[in-house]
Amino acid sequence: MKRFPFIRAGLIFAISPILLAFITSLFQGGSMWDEGNGTGGYIWLMFLTLPVGFLLVVIGLVMVVVRRTR
């Protein structure tokens, strides 16, 4: 059975809005921090992705500790 990489998935999920804003700003030709052109609005998603990503990292760390103590 293959294990799900909770720590890696949590970190990627947490920073995904910044990556999305950066990539879309490259195609639209503007600043990734400017909310006026649309790409800066993606950064507001971090209010949701950071807590969920942090929770996934904590679950992954707990699973690592439990596996090592067995």
Protein backbone atom coordinates (compact mmCIF):
# COMPACT_ATOMS: atom_id res chain seq x y z
CA MET A 1 0.00 0.00 0.00
CA LYS A 2 1.43 3.35 -1.03
CA ARG A 3 1.35 6.11 1.58
CA PHE A 4 -0.04 9.57 0.85
CA PRO A 5 2.62 12.30 1.30
CA PHE A 6 0.70 14.55 3.72
CA ILE A 7 3.61 16.88 4.48
CA ARG A 8 4.51 17.53 0.85
CA ALA A 9 0.87 17.89 -0.19
CA GLY A 10 0.19 20.31 2.68
CA LEU A 11 3.11 22.55 1.74
CA ILE A 12 2.17 22.60 -1.94
CA PHE A 13 -1.49 23.28 -1.12
CA ALA A 14 -0.54 26.10 1.25
CA ILE A 15 1.55 28.00 -1.33
CA SER A 16 -0.62 27.20 -4.34
CA PRO A 17 -2.31 30.67 -4.46
CA ILE A 18 1.07 32.40 -4.73
CA LEU A 19 2.14 30.02 -7.50
CA LEU A 20 -1.17 30.55 -9.29
CA ALA A 21 -0.86 34.35 -9.05
CA PHE A 22 2.72 34.23 -10.31
CA ILE A 23 1.98 31.96 -13.28
CA THR A 24 -1.12 33.88 -14.37
CA SER A 25 0.72 37.21 -14.06
CA LEU A 26 3.33 35.91 -16.50
CA PHE A 27 0.64 35.28 -19.11
CA GLN A 28 -1.35 38.47 -18.46
CA GLY A 29 1.68 40.73 -18.18
CA GLY A 30 1.10 42.49 -14.89
CA SER A 31 2.13 42.47 -11.27
CA MET A 32 1.16 39.40 -9.28
CA TRP A 33 0.47 41.64 -6.27
CA ASP A 34 -1.94 43.96 -8.08
CA GLU A 35 -5.57 43.04 -7.46
CA GLY A 36 -6.80 45.34 -10.21
CA ASN A 37 -5.71 43.14 -13.10
CA GLY A 38 -7.09 39.96 -11.56
CA THR A 39 -4.01 37.95 -10.62
CA GLY A 40 -3.57 39.50 -7.17
CA GLY A 41 -7.00 38.27 -6.18
CA TYR A 42 -5.70 34.71 -6.06
CA ILE A 43 -3.58 35.57 -3.03
CA TRP A 44 -6.77 36.03 -0.99
CA LEU A 45 -7.24 32.26 -1.30
CA MET A 46 -4.43 31.89 1.21
CA PHE A 47 -6.97 32.55 3.97
CA LEU A 48 -8.30 29.08 3.16
CA THR A 49 -5.26 27.21 1.90
CA LEU A 50 -2.82 28.08 4.69
CA PRO A 51 -4.88 26.58 7.55
CA VAL A 52 -5.75 23.47 5.54
CA GLY A 53 -2.14 23.05 4.42
CA PHE A 54 -0.94 23.48 8.01
CA LEU A 55 -3.40 20.82 9.14
CA LEU A 56 -2.12 18.39 6.48
CA VAL A 57 1.48 19.01 7.58
CA VAL A 58 0.58 18.39 11.23
CA ILE A 59 -1.24 15.15 10.32
CA GLY A 60 1.78 14.04 8.32
CA LEU A 61 4.17 14.80 11.18
CA VAL A 62 1.99 12.91 13.66
CA MET A 63 1.90 9.92 11.32
CA VAL A 64 5.71 9.99 11.02
CA VAL A 65 6.12 10.07 14.81
CA VAL A 66 3.62 7.22 15.29
CA ARG A 67 5.35 5.06 12.67
CA ARG A 68 8.77 5.59 14.25
CA THR A 69 7.58 4.71 17.75
CA ARG A 70 6.17 1.36 16.65
